[in-house]
Amino acid sequence: IPILGPDHQASQYINQKGYFSMVLQALVDHKGRFTNINVGWPGKVHDARVFRNSGLFRRLQEGIYFPDQKITVGDVEMPIVILGDPAYPLMPWLMKPYMGAGCPGQ
């Protein structure tokens, strides 16, 4: 989130794109409702670090956020997962975009 440069520790708020900001991490459900918000980290802090230090990450690691919840697609039972930023770690409950090179036909 773009912000005005703070008086104290201003360099910590300059993000990788060169402007002052704060990090906003949010989780939205399949209906577009916010279910978790974490805001306030300086813009210089990497998204993956913010995520790993969040209460959301701890609850997901402990199995508290989605306890034993699954969804059936067709006749296949699948776990509920979060779709995350490419910077986030790949976890059993967190999927992220595949960054490898694909075939031209893909």
PDB file of N, CA and C in Angstrom:
ATOM      1  N   ILE A   1       0.856  -1.155   0.000  1.00  0.00           N
ATOM      2  CA  ILE A   1       0.000   0.000   0.000  1.00  0.00           C
ATOM      3  C   ILE A   1       0.912   1.230   0.000  1.00  0.00           C
ATOM      4  N   PRO A   2       0.777   2.124  -0.987  1.00  0.00           N
ATOM      5  CA  PRO A   2       1.602   3.337  -0.998  1.00  0.00           C
ATOM      6  C   PRO A   2       1.303   4.217   0.220  1.00  0.00           C
ATOM      7  N   ILE A   3       2.349   4.781   0.807  1.00  0.00           N
ATOM      8  CA  ILE A   3       2.208   5.681   1.959  1.00  0.00           C
ATOM      9  C   ILE A   3       3.128   6.880   1.771  1.00  0.00           C
ATOM     10  N   LEU A   4       2.930   7.919   2.581  1.00  0.00           N
ATOM     11  CA  LEU A   4       3.874   9.031   2.640  1.00  0.00           C
ATOM     12  C   LEU A   4       5.084   8.563   3.436  1.00  0.00           C
ATOM     13  N   GLY A   5       6.256   9.042   3.078  1.00  0.00           N
ATOM     14  CA  GLY A   5       7.471   8.636   3.773  1.00  0.00           C
ATOM     15  C   GLY A   5       7.440   9.008   5.242  1.00  0.00           C
ATOM     16  N   PRO A   6       7.655   8.046   6.131  1.00  0.00           N
ATOM     17  CA  PRO A   6       7.647   8.354   7.566  1.00  0.00           C
ATOM     18  C   PRO A   6       8.913   9.101   7.981  1.00  0.00           C
ATOM     19  N   ASP A   7       8.849   9.796   9.106  1.00  0.00           N
ATOM     20  CA  ASP A   7      10.001  10.534   9.625  1.00  0.00           C
ATOM     21  C   ASP A   7      11.052   9.604  10.216  1.00  0.00           C
ATOM     22  N   HIS A   8      10.628   8.480  10.756  1.00  0.00           N
ATOM     23  CA  HIS A   8      11.516   7.551  11.449  1.00  0.00           C
ATOM     24  C   HIS A   8      11.717   6.291  10.602  1.00  0.00           C
ATOM     25  N   GLN A   9      12.944   5.891  10.371  1.00  0.00           N
ATOM     26  CA  GLN A   9      13.306   4.683   9.606  1.00  0.00           C
ATOM     27  C   GLN A   9      12.664   4.652   8.218  1.00  0.00           C
ATOM     28  N   ALA A  10      12.687   5.777   7.542  1.00  0.00           N
ATOM     29  CA  ALA A  10      12.050   5.893   6.230  1.00  0.00           C
ATOM     30  C   ALA A  10      12.569   4.869   5.231  1.00  0.00           C
ATOM     31  N   SER A  11      13.855   4.554   5.265  1.00  0.00           N
ATOM     32  CA  SER A  11      14.422   3.618   4.285  1.00  0.00           C
ATOM     33  C   SER A  11      13.801   2.224   4.390  1.00  0.00           C
ATOM     34  N   GLN A  12      13.279   1.865   5.555  1.00  0.00           N
ATOM     35  CA  GLN A  12      12.649   0.552   5.730  1.00  0.00           C
ATOM     36  C   GLN A  12      11.315   0.450   4.985  1.00  0.00           C
ATOM     37  N   TYR A  13      10.765   1.584   4.624  1.00  0.00           N
ATOM     38  CA  TYR A  13       9.458   1.603   3.968  1.00  0.00           C
ATOM     39  C   TYR A  13       9.555   1.747   2.451  1.00  0.00           C
ATOM     40  N   ILE A  14      10.776   1.804   1.911  1.00  0.00           N
ATOM     41  CA  ILE A  14      10.938   1.879   0.458  1.00  0.00           C
ATOM     42  C   ILE A  14      10.935   0.456  -0.081  1.00  0.00           C
ATOM     43  N   ASN A  15       9.955   0.151  -0.919  1.00  0.00           N
ATOM     44  CA  ASN A  15       9.825  -1.208  -1.448  1.00  0.00           C
ATOM     45  C   ASN A  15      10.744  -1.431  -2.644  1.00  0.00           C
ATOM     46  N   GLN A  16      10.696  -2.632  -3.216  1.00  0.00           N
ATOM     47  CA  GLN A  16      11.592  -2.978  -4.327  1.00  0.00           C
ATOM     48  C   GLN A  16      11.309  -2.180  -5.592  1.00  0.00           C
ATOM     49  N   LYS A  17      10.155  -1.526  -5.658  1.00  0.00           N
ATOM     50  CA  LYS A  17       9.831  -0.690  -6.815  1.00  0.00           C
ATOM     51  C   LYS A  17      10.254   0.763  -6.603  1.00  0.00           C
ATOM     52  N   GLY A  18      10.761   1.071  -5.391  1.00  0.00           N
ATOM     53  CA  GLY A  18      11.332   2.378  -5.140  1.00  0.00           C
ATOM     54  C   GLY A  18      10.435   3.413  -4.496  1.00  0.00           C
ATOM     55  N   TYR A  19       9.261   3.029  -4.028  1.00  0.00           N
ATOM     56  CA  TYR A  19       8.410   4.011  -3.360  1.00  0.00           C
ATOM     57  C   TYR A  19       8.058   3.546  -1.942  1.00  0.00           C
ATOM     58  N   PHE A  20       7.614   4.497  -1.115  1.00  0.00           N
ATOM     59  CA  PHE A  20       7.256   4.200   0.274  1.00  0.00           C
ATOM     60  C   PHE A  20       5.968   3.384   0.312  1.00  0.00           C
ATOM     61  N   SER A  21       5.978   2.326   1.120  1.00  0.00           N
ATOM     62  CA  SER A  21       4.782   1.492   1.213  1.00  0.00           C
ATOM     63  C   SER A  21       4.765   0.680   2.497  1.00  0.00           C
ATOM     64  N   MET A  22       3.592   0.099   2.760  1.00  0.00           N
ATOM     65  CA  MET A  22       3.395  -0.900   3.809  1.00  0.00           C
ATOM     66  C   MET A  22       2.878  -2.149   3.114  1.00  0.00           C
ATOM     67  N   VAL A  23       3.186  -3.296   3.688  1.00  0.00           N
ATOM     68  CA  VAL A  23       2.726  -4.563   3.124  1.00  0.00           C
ATOM     69  C   VAL A  23       1.328  -4.871   3.661  1.00  0.00           C
ATOM     70  N   LEU A  24       0.450  -5.302   2.762  1.00  0.00           N
ATOM     71  CA  LEU A  24      -0.880  -5.784   3.124  1.00  0.00           C
ATOM     72  C   LEU A  24      -0.985  -7.229   2.670  1.00  0.00           C
ATOM     73  N   GLN A  25      -1.247  -8.128   3.600  1.00  0.00           N
ATOM     74  CA  GLN A  25      -1.476  -9.538   3.273  1.00  0.00           C
ATOM     75  C   GLN A  25      -2.935  -9.823   3.605  1.00  0.00           C
ATOM     76  N   ALA A  26      -3.675 -10.383   2.661  1.00  0.00           N
ATOM     77  CA  ALA A  26      -5.087 -10.667   2.906  1.00  0.00           C
ATOM     78  C   ALA A  26      -5.453 -12.033   2.344  1.00  0.00           C
ATOM     79  N   LEU A  27      -6.386 -12.687   3.007  1.00  0.00           N
ATOM     80  CA  LEU A  27      -6.920 -13.968   2.553  1.00  0.00           C
ATOM     81  C   LEU A  27      -8.393 -13.758   2.251  1.00  0.00           C
ATOM     82  N   VAL A  28      -8.795 -14.159   1.052  1.00  0.00           N
ATOM     83  CA  VAL A  28     -10.171 -13.996   0.602  1.00  0.00           C
ATOM     84  C   VAL A  28     -10.728 -15.373   0.281  1.00  0.00           C
ATOM     85  N   ASP A  29     -11.969 -15.635   0.673  1.00  0.00           N
ATOM     86  CA  ASP A  29     -12.562 -16.941   0.390  1.00  0.00           C
ATOM     87  C   ASP A  29     -13.124 -16.996  -1.032  1.00  0.00           C
ATOM     88  N   HIS A  30     -13.734 -18.125  -1.376  1.00  0.00           N
ATOM     89  CA  HIS A  30     -14.241 -18.338  -2.733  1.00  0.00           C
ATOM     90  C   HIS A  30     -15.416 -17.427  -3.081  1.00  0.00           C
ATOM     91  N   LYS A  31     -15.954 -16.730  -2.105  1.00  0.00           N
ATOM     92  CA  LYS A  31     -17.051 -15.793  -2.353  1.00  0.00           C
ATOM     93  C   LYS A  31     -16.573 -14.339  -2.330  1.00  0.00           C
ATOM     94  N   GLY A  32     -15.255 -14.137  -2.252  1.00  0.00           N
ATOM     95  CA  GLY A  32     -14.695 -12.794  -2.253  1.00  0.00           C
ATOM     96  C   GLY A  32     -14.748 -12.086  -0.913  1.00  0.00           C
ATOM     97  N   ARG A  33     -14.953 -12.839   0.164  1.00  0.00           N
ATOM     98  CA  ARG A  33     -15.011 -12.257   1.506  1.00  0.00           C
ATOM     99  C   ARG A  33     -13.636 -12.342   2.164  1.00  0.00           C
ATOM    100  N   PHE A  34     -13.214 -11.247   2.774  1.00  0.00           N
ATOM    101  CA  PHE A  34     -11.950 -11.245   3.506  1.00  0.00           C
ATOM    102  C   PHE A  34     -12.107 -12.097   4.758  1.00  0.00           C
ATOM    103  N   THR A  35     -11.186 -13.050   4.946  1.00  0.00           N
ATOM    104  CA  THR A  35     -11.232 -13.904   6.132  1.00  0.00           C
ATOM    105  C   THR A  35     -10.019 -13.676   7.030  1.00  0.00           C
ATOM    106  N   ASN A  36      -9.009 -12.972   6.518  1.00  0.00           N
ATOM    107  CA  ASN A  36      -7.824 -12.668   7.313  1.00  0.00           C
ATOM    108  C   ASN A  36      -7.113 -11.476   6.692  1.00  0.00           C
ATOM    109  N   ILE A  37      -6.689 -10.533   7.523  1.00  0.00           N
ATOM    110  CA  ILE A  37      -5.942  -9.362   7.046  1.00  0.00           C
ATOM    111  C   ILE A  37      -4.763  -9.128   7.977  1.00  0.00           C
ATOM    112  N   ASN A  38      -3.603  -8.856   7.388  1.00  0.00           N
ATOM    113  CA  ASN A  38      -2.387  -8.543   8.136  1.00  0.00           C
ATOM    114  C   ASN A  38      -1.766  -7.330   7.445  1.00  0.00           C
ATOM    115  N   VAL A  39      -1.652  -6.220   8.131  1.00  0.00           N
ATOM    116  CA  VAL A  39      -1.115  -5.006   7.524  1.00  0.00           C
ATOM    117  C   VAL A  39      -0.195  -4.300   8.514  1.00  0.00           C
ATOM    118  N   GLY A  40       0.803  -3.598   7.979  1.00  0.00           N
ATOM    119  CA  GLY A  40       1.662  -2.786   8.827  1.00  0.00           C
ATOM    120  C   GLY A  40       3.150  -3.028   8.678  1.00  0.00           C
ATOM    121  N   TRP A  41       3.553  -4.133   8.067  1.00  0.00           N
ATOM    122  CA  TRP A  41       4.986  -4.371   7.880  1.00  0.00           C
ATOM    123  C   TRP A  41       5.542  -3.328   6.911  1.00  0.00           C
ATOM    124  N   PRO A  42       6.768  -2.850   7.133  1.00  0.00           N
ATOM    125  CA  PRO A  42       7.389  -1.901   6.204  1.00  0.00           C
ATOM    126  C   PRO A  42       7.513  -2.488   4.796  1.00  0.00           C
ATOM    127  N   GLY A  43       7.396  -1.641   3.788  1.00  0.00           N
ATOM    128  CA  GLY A  43       7.434  -2.077   2.397  1.00  0.00           C
ATOM    129  C   GLY A  43       8.699  -2.794   1.974  1.00  0.00           C
ATOM    130  N   LYS A  44       9.799  -2.581   2.692  1.00  0.00           N
ATOM    131  CA  LYS A  44      11.064  -3.237   2.346  1.00  0.00           C
ATOM    132  C   LYS A  44      11.045  -4.731   2.685  1.00  0.00           C
ATOM    133  N   VAL A  45      10.162  -5.145   3.582  1.00  0.00           N
ATOM    134  CA  VAL A  45      10.114  -6.535   4.033  1.00  0.00           C
ATOM    135  C   VAL A  45       9.504  -7.413   2.942  1.00  0.00           C
ATOM    136  N   HIS A  46      10.155  -8.520   2.646  1.00  0.00           N
ATOM    137  CA  HIS A  46       9.711  -9.443   1.602  1.00  0.00           C
ATOM    138  C   HIS A  46       8.379 -10.086   1.984  1.00  0.00           C
ATOM    139  N   ASP A  47       7.520 -10.275   0.984  1.00  0.00           N
ATOM    140  CA  ASP A  47       6.199 -10.868   1.213  1.00  0.00           C
ATOM    141  C   ASP A  47       6.275 -12.218   1.920  1.00  0.00           C
ATOM    142  N   ALA A  48       7.238 -13.048   1.538  1.00  0.00           N
ATOM    143  CA  ALA A  48       7.363 -14.376   2.147  1.00  0.00           C
ATOM    144  C   ALA A  48       7.693 -14.268   3.637  1.00  0.00           C
ATOM    145  N   ARG A  49       8.486 -13.276   4.014  1.00  0.00           N
ATOM    146  CA  ARG A  49       8.816 -13.087   5.437  1.00  0.00           C
ATOM    147  C   ARG A  49       7.583 -12.641   6.217  1.00  0.00           C
ATOM    148  N   VAL A  50       6.818 -11.735   5.634  1.00  0.00           N
ATOM    149  CA  VAL A  50       5.584 -11.284   6.277  1.00  0.00           C
ATOM    150  C   VAL A  50       4.669 -12.482   6.502  1.00  0.00           C
ATOM    151  N   PHE A  51       4.519 -13.313   5.476  1.00  0.00           N
ATOM    152  CA  PHE A  51       3.643 -14.477   5.573  1.00  0.00           C
ATOM    153  C   PHE A  51       4.117 -15.450   6.648  1.00  0.00           C
ATOM    154  N   ARG A  52       5.416 -15.782   6.635  1.00  0.00           N
ATOM    155  CA  ARG A  52       5.944 -16.750   7.610  1.00  0.00           C
ATOM    156  C   ARG A  52       5.856 -16.253   9.053  1.00  0.00           C
ATOM    157  N   ASN A  53       5.762 -14.953   9.243  1.00  0.00           N
ATOM    158  CA  ASN A  53       5.662 -14.384  10.585  1.00  0.00           C
ATOM    159  C   ASN A  53       4.227 -14.015  10.965  1.00  0.00           C
ATOM    160  N   SER A  54       3.272 -14.427  10.162  1.00  0.00           N
ATOM    161  CA  SER A  54       1.879 -14.064  10.427  1.00  0.00           C
ATOM    162  C   SER A  54       1.165 -15.112  11.280  1.00  0.00           C
ATOM    163  N   GLY A  55       0.130 -14.660  11.948  1.00  0.00           N
ATOM    164  CA  GLY A  55      -0.729 -15.575  12.697  1.00  0.00           C
ATOM    165  C   GLY A  55      -1.416 -16.554  11.771  1.00  0.00           C
ATOM    166  N   LEU A  56      -1.742 -16.121  10.560  1.00  0.00           N
ATOM    167  CA  LEU A  56      -2.365 -17.007   9.574  1.00  0.00           C
ATOM    168  C   LEU A  56      -1.457 -18.191   9.281  1.00  0.00           C
ATOM    169  N   PHE A  57      -0.170 -17.927   9.042  1.00  0.00           N
ATOM    170  CA  PHE A  57       0.779 -19.009   8.755  1.00  0.00           C
ATOM    171  C   PHE A  57       0.818 -19.996   9.915  1.00  0.00           C
ATOM    172  N   ARG A  58       0.890 -19.489  11.141  1.00  0.00           N
ATOM    173  CA  ARG A  58       0.936 -20.383  12.312  1.00  0.00           C
ATOM    174  C   ARG A  58      -0.320 -21.242  12.408  1.00  0.00           C
ATOM    175  N   ARG A  59      -1.481 -20.638  12.191  1.00  0.00           N
ATOM    176  CA  ARG A  59      -2.730 -21.407  12.273  1.00  0.00           C
ATOM    177  C   ARG A  59      -2.826 -22.440  11.161  1.00  0.00           C
ATOM    178  N   LEU A  60      -2.336 -22.107   9.978  1.00  0.00           N
ATOM    179  CA  LEU A  60      -2.337 -23.073   8.877  1.00  0.00           C
ATOM    180  C   LEU A  60      -1.373 -24.220   9.168  1.00  0.00           C
ATOM    181  N   GLN A  61      -0.193 -23.907   9.675  1.00  0.00           N
ATOM    182  CA  GLN A  61       0.801 -24.928  10.027  1.00  0.00           C
ATOM    183  C   GLN A  61       0.255 -25.889  11.081  1.00  0.00           C
ATOM    184  N   GLU A  62      -0.487 -25.361  12.027  1.00  0.00           N
ATOM    185  CA  GLU A  62      -1.024 -26.173  13.123  1.00  0.00           C
ATOM    186  C   GLU A  62      -2.313 -26.894  12.741  1.00  0.00           C
ATOM    187  N   GLY A  63      -2.820 -26.644  11.522  1.00  0.00           N
ATOM    188  CA  GLY A  63      -4.043 -27.301  11.078  1.00  0.00           C
ATOM    189  C   GLY A  63      -5.307 -26.723  11.690  1.00  0.00           C
ATOM    190  N   ILE A  64      -5.203 -25.519  12.238  1.00  0.00           N
ATOM    191  CA  ILE A  64      -6.348 -24.899  12.906  1.00  0.00           C
ATOM    192  C   ILE A  64      -7.261 -24.174  11.916  1.00  0.00           C
ATOM    193  N   TYR A  65      -6.697 -23.597  10.866  1.00  0.00           N
ATOM    194  CA  TYR A  65      -7.491 -22.754   9.967  1.00  0.00           C
ATOM    195  C   TYR A  65      -8.481 -23.555   9.131  1.00  0.00           C
ATOM    196  N   PHE A  66      -8.055 -24.684   8.588  1.00  0.00           N
ATOM    197  CA  PHE A  66      -8.931 -25.566   7.814  1.00  0.00           C
ATOM    198  C   PHE A  66      -8.890 -26.970   8.415  1.00  0.00           C
ATOM    199  N   PRO A  67      -9.419 -27.182   9.601  1.00  0.00           N
ATOM    200  CA  PRO A  67      -9.319 -28.511  10.213  1.00  0.00           C
ATOM    201  C   PRO A  67     -10.165 -29.546   9.473  1.00  0.00           C
ATOM    202  N   ASP A  68      -9.495 -30.489   8.843  1.00  0.00           N
ATOM    203  CA  ASP A  68     -10.151 -31.623   8.170  1.00  0.00           C
ATOM    204  C   ASP A  68     -11.215 -31.223   7.157  1.00  0.00           C
ATOM    205  N   GLN A  69     -11.081 -30.068   6.555  1.00  0.00           N
ATOM    206  CA  GLN A  69     -12.064 -29.665   5.552  1.00  0.00           C
ATOM    207  C   GLN A  69     -11.582 -30.094   4.177  1.00  0.00           C
ATOM    208  N   LYS A  70     -12.484 -30.716   3.449  1.00  0.00           N
ATOM    209  CA  LYS A  70     -12.188 -31.163   2.094  1.00  0.00           C
ATOM    210  C   LYS A  70     -13.358 -30.760   1.210  1.00  0.00           C
ATOM    211  N   ILE A  71     -13.117 -30.796  -0.078  1.00  0.00           N
ATOM    212  CA  ILE A  71     -14.164 -30.502  -1.050  1.00  0.00           C
ATOM    213  C   ILE A  71     -14.176 -31.648  -2.055  1.00  0.00           C
ATOM    214  N   THR A  72     -15.338 -31.996  -2.562  1.00  0.00           N
ATOM    215  CA  THR A  72     -15.443 -33.047  -3.565  1.00  0.00           C
ATOM    216  C   THR A  72     -15.678 -32.394  -4.916  1.00  0.00           C
ATOM    217  N   VAL A  73     -14.803 -32.686  -5.868  1.00  0.00           N
ATOM    218  CA  VAL A  73     -14.914 -32.183  -7.234  1.00  0.00           C
ATOM    219  C   VAL A  73     -15.150 -33.403  -8.111  1.00  0.00           C
ATOM    220  N   GLY A  74     -16.348 -33.503  -8.694  1.00  0.00           N
ATOM    221  CA  GLY A  74     -16.709 -34.731  -9.399  1.00  0.00           C
ATOM    222  C   GLY A  74     -16.820 -35.833  -8.368  1.00  0.00           C
ATOM    223  N   ASP A  75     -15.984 -36.848  -8.515  1.00  0.00           N
ATOM    224  CA  ASP A  75     -15.958 -37.912  -7.510  1.00  0.00           C
ATOM    225  C   ASP A  75     -14.615 -37.966  -6.783  1.00  0.00           C
ATOM    226  N   VAL A  76     -13.857 -36.872  -6.866  1.00  0.00           N
ATOM    227  CA  VAL A  76     -12.538 -36.815  -6.234  1.00  0.00           C
ATOM    228  C   VAL A  76     -12.590 -35.888  -5.018  1.00  0.00           C
ATOM    229  N   GLU A  77     -12.187 -36.413  -3.866  1.00  0.00           N
ATOM    230  CA  GLU A  77     -12.119 -35.601  -2.656  1.00  0.00           C
ATOM    231  C   GLU A  77     -10.761 -34.909  -2.605  1.00  0.00           C
ATOM    232  N   MET A  78     -10.784 -33.596  -2.415  1.00  0.00           N
ATOM    233  CA  MET A  78      -9.551 -32.808  -2.424  1.00  0.00           C
ATOM    234  C   MET A  78      -9.483 -31.950  -1.166  1.00  0.00           C
ATOM    235  N   PRO A  79      -8.261 -31.685  -0.672  1.00  0.00           N
ATOM    236  CA  PRO A  79      -8.134 -30.780   0.475  1.00  0.00           C
ATOM    237  C   PRO A  79      -8.363 -29.335   0.037  1.00  0.00           C
ATOM    238  N   ILE A  80      -8.773 -28.512   0.970  1.00  0.00           N
ATOM    239  CA  ILE A  80      -8.899 -27.080   0.705  1.00  0.00           C
ATOM    240  C   ILE A  80      -7.501 -26.478   0.785  1.00  0.00           C
ATOM    241  N   VAL A  81      -7.140 -25.686  -0.207  1.00  0.00           N
ATOM    242  CA  VAL A  81      -5.820 -25.059  -0.240  1.00  0.00           C
ATOM    243  C   VAL A  81      -5.971 -23.562  -0.491  1.00  0.00           C
ATOM    244  N   ILE A  82      -4.927 -22.846  -0.188  1.00  0.00           N
ATOM    245  CA  ILE A  82      -4.843 -21.419  -0.462  1.00  0.00           C
ATOM    246  C   ILE A  82      -3.998 -21.249  -1.716  1.00  0.00           C
ATOM    247  N   LEU A  83      -4.391 -20.326  -2.581  1.00  0.00           N
ATOM    248  CA  LEU A  83      -3.583 -19.971  -3.745  1.00  0.00           C
ATOM    249  C   LEU A  83      -2.766 -18.756  -3.349  1.00  0.00           C
ATOM    250  N   GLY A  84      -1.439 -18.884  -3.427  1.00  0.00           N
ATOM    251  CA  GLY A  84      -0.573 -17.827  -2.923  1.00  0.00           C
ATOM    252  C   GLY A  84       0.328 -17.197  -3.961  1.00  0.00           C
ATOM    253  N   ASP A  85       1.020 -16.190  -3.530  1.00  0.00           N
ATOM    254  CA  ASP A  85       2.006 -15.456  -4.306  1.00  0.00           C
ATOM    255  C   ASP A  85       3.174 -16.379  -4.659  1.00  0.00           C
ATOM    256  N   PRO A  86       3.808 -16.180  -5.822  1.00  0.00           N
ATOM    257  CA  PRO A  86       4.969 -17.010  -6.177  1.00  0.00           C
ATOM    258  C   PRO A  86       6.100 -16.950  -5.150  1.00  0.00           C
ATOM    259  N   ALA A  87       6.176 -15.881  -4.363  1.00  0.00           N
ATOM    260  CA  ALA A  87       7.237 -15.751  -3.354  1.00  0.00           C
ATOM    261  C   ALA A  87       6.997 -16.641  -2.140  1.00  0.00           C
ATOM    262  N   TYR A  88       5.774 -17.101  -1.951  1.00  0.00           N
ATOM    263  CA  TYR A  88       5.436 -17.913  -0.778  1.00  0.00           C
ATOM    264  C   TYR A  88       5.981 -19.328  -0.937  1.00  0.00           C
ATOM    265  N   PRO A  89       6.205 -20.021   0.187  1.00  0.00           N
ATOM    266  CA  PRO A  89       6.695 -21.402   0.109  1.00  0.00           C
ATOM    267  C   PRO A  89       5.577 -22.348  -0.331  1.00  0.00           C
ATOM    268  N   LEU A  90       5.935 -23.389  -1.042  1.00  0.00           N
ATOM    269  CA  LEU A  90       4.964 -24.414  -1.420  1.00  0.00           C
ATOM    270  C   LEU A  90       4.728 -25.301  -0.207  1.00  0.00           C
ATOM    271  N   MET A  91       3.477 -25.435   0.202  1.00  0.00           N
ATOM    272  CA  MET A  91       3.112 -26.214   1.381  1.00  0.00           C
ATOM    273  C   MET A  91       1.933 -27.114   1.009  1.00  0.00           C
ATOM    274  N   PRO A  92       1.631 -28.140   1.809  1.00  0.00           N
ATOM    275  CA  PRO A  92       0.470 -28.992   1.505  1.00  0.00           C
ATOM    276  C   PRO A  92      -0.841 -28.205   1.439  1.00  0.00           C
ATOM    277  N   TRP A  93      -0.939 -27.124   2.168  1.00  0.00           N
ATOM    278  CA  TRP A  93      -2.147 -26.309   2.215  1.00  0.00           C
ATOM    279  C   TRP A  93      -2.005 -24.995   1.438  1.00  0.00           C
ATOM    280  N   LEU A  94      -0.884 -24.824   0.713  1.00  0.00           N
ATOM    281  CA  LEU A  94      -0.624 -23.591  -0.031  1.00  0.00           C
ATOM    282  C   LEU A  94      -0.068 -23.918  -1.411  1.00  0.00           C
ATOM    283  N   MET A  95      -0.824 -23.585  -2.431  1.00  0.00           N
ATOM    284  CA  MET A  95      -0.379 -23.775  -3.804  1.00  0.00           C
ATOM    285  C   MET A  95       0.038 -22.419  -4.368  1.00  0.00           C
ATOM    286  N   LYS A  96       1.001 -22.457  -5.284  1.00  0.00           N
ATOM    287  CA  LYS A  96       1.451 -21.223  -5.922  1.00  0.00           C
ATOM    288  C   LYS A  96       1.670 -21.506  -7.399  1.00  0.00           C
ATOM    289  N   PRO A  97       1.774 -20.471  -8.222  1.00  0.00           N
ATOM    290  CA  PRO A  97       1.952 -20.690  -9.660  1.00  0.00           C
ATOM    291  C   PRO A  97       3.223 -21.473  -9.966  1.00  0.00           C
ATOM    292  N   TYR A  98       3.142 -22.314 -10.984  1.00  0.00           N
ATOM    293  CA  TYR A  98       4.316 -23.049 -11.449  1.00  0.00           C
ATOM    294  C   TYR A  98       5.170 -22.085 -12.247  1.00  0.00           C
ATOM    295  N   MET A  99       6.441 -21.946 -11.870  1.00  0.00           N
ATOM    296  CA  MET A  99       7.307 -20.958 -12.505  1.00  0.00           C
ATOM    297  C   MET A  99       8.273 -21.565 -13.519  1.00  0.00           C
ATOM    298  N   GLY A 100       8.194 -22.869 -13.747  1.00  0.00           N
ATOM    299  CA  GLY A 100       9.099 -23.525 -14.683  1.00  0.00           C
ATOM    300  C   GLY A 100       8.727 -23.247 -16.129  1.00  0.00           C
ATOM    301  N   ALA A 101       9.651 -23.569 -17.013  1.00  0.00           N
ATOM    302  CA  ALA A 101       9.404 -23.397 -18.443  1.00  0.00           C
ATOM    303  C   ALA A 101       8.493 -24.512 -18.933  1.00  0.00           C
ATOM    304  N   GLY A 102       7.511 -24.166 -19.702  1.00  0.00           N
ATOM    305  CA  GLY A 102       6.589 -25.149 -20.262  1.00  0.00           C
ATOM    306  C   GLY A 102       6.871 -25.374 -21.732  1.00  0.00           C
ATOM    307  N   CYS A 103       6.229 -26.356 -22.306  1.00  0.00           N
ATOM    308  CA  CYS A 103       6.350 -26.608 -23.745  1.00  0.00           C
ATOM    309  C   CYS A 103       5.596 -25.511 -24.496  1.00  0.00           C
ATOM    310  N   PRO A 104       5.970 -25.243 -25.727  1.00  0.00           N
ATOM    311  CA  PRO A 104       5.259 -24.220 -26.496  1.00  0.00           C
ATOM    312  C   PRO A 104       3.761 -24.512 -26.622  1.00  0.00           C
ATOM    313  N   GLY A 105       3.378 -25.785 -26.588  1.00  0.00           N
ATOM    314  CA  GLY A 105       1.970 -26.146 -26.725  1.00  0.00           C
ATOM    315  C   GLY A 105       1.160 -25.978 -25.456  1.00  0.00           C
ATOM    316  N   GLN A 106       1.798 -25.618 -24.360  1.00  0.00           N
ATOM    317  CA  GLN A 106       1.057 -25.511 -23.094  1.00  0.00           C
ATOM    318  C   GLN A 106       0.442 -24.156 -22.926  1.00  0.00           C
TER     319      GLN A 106
END
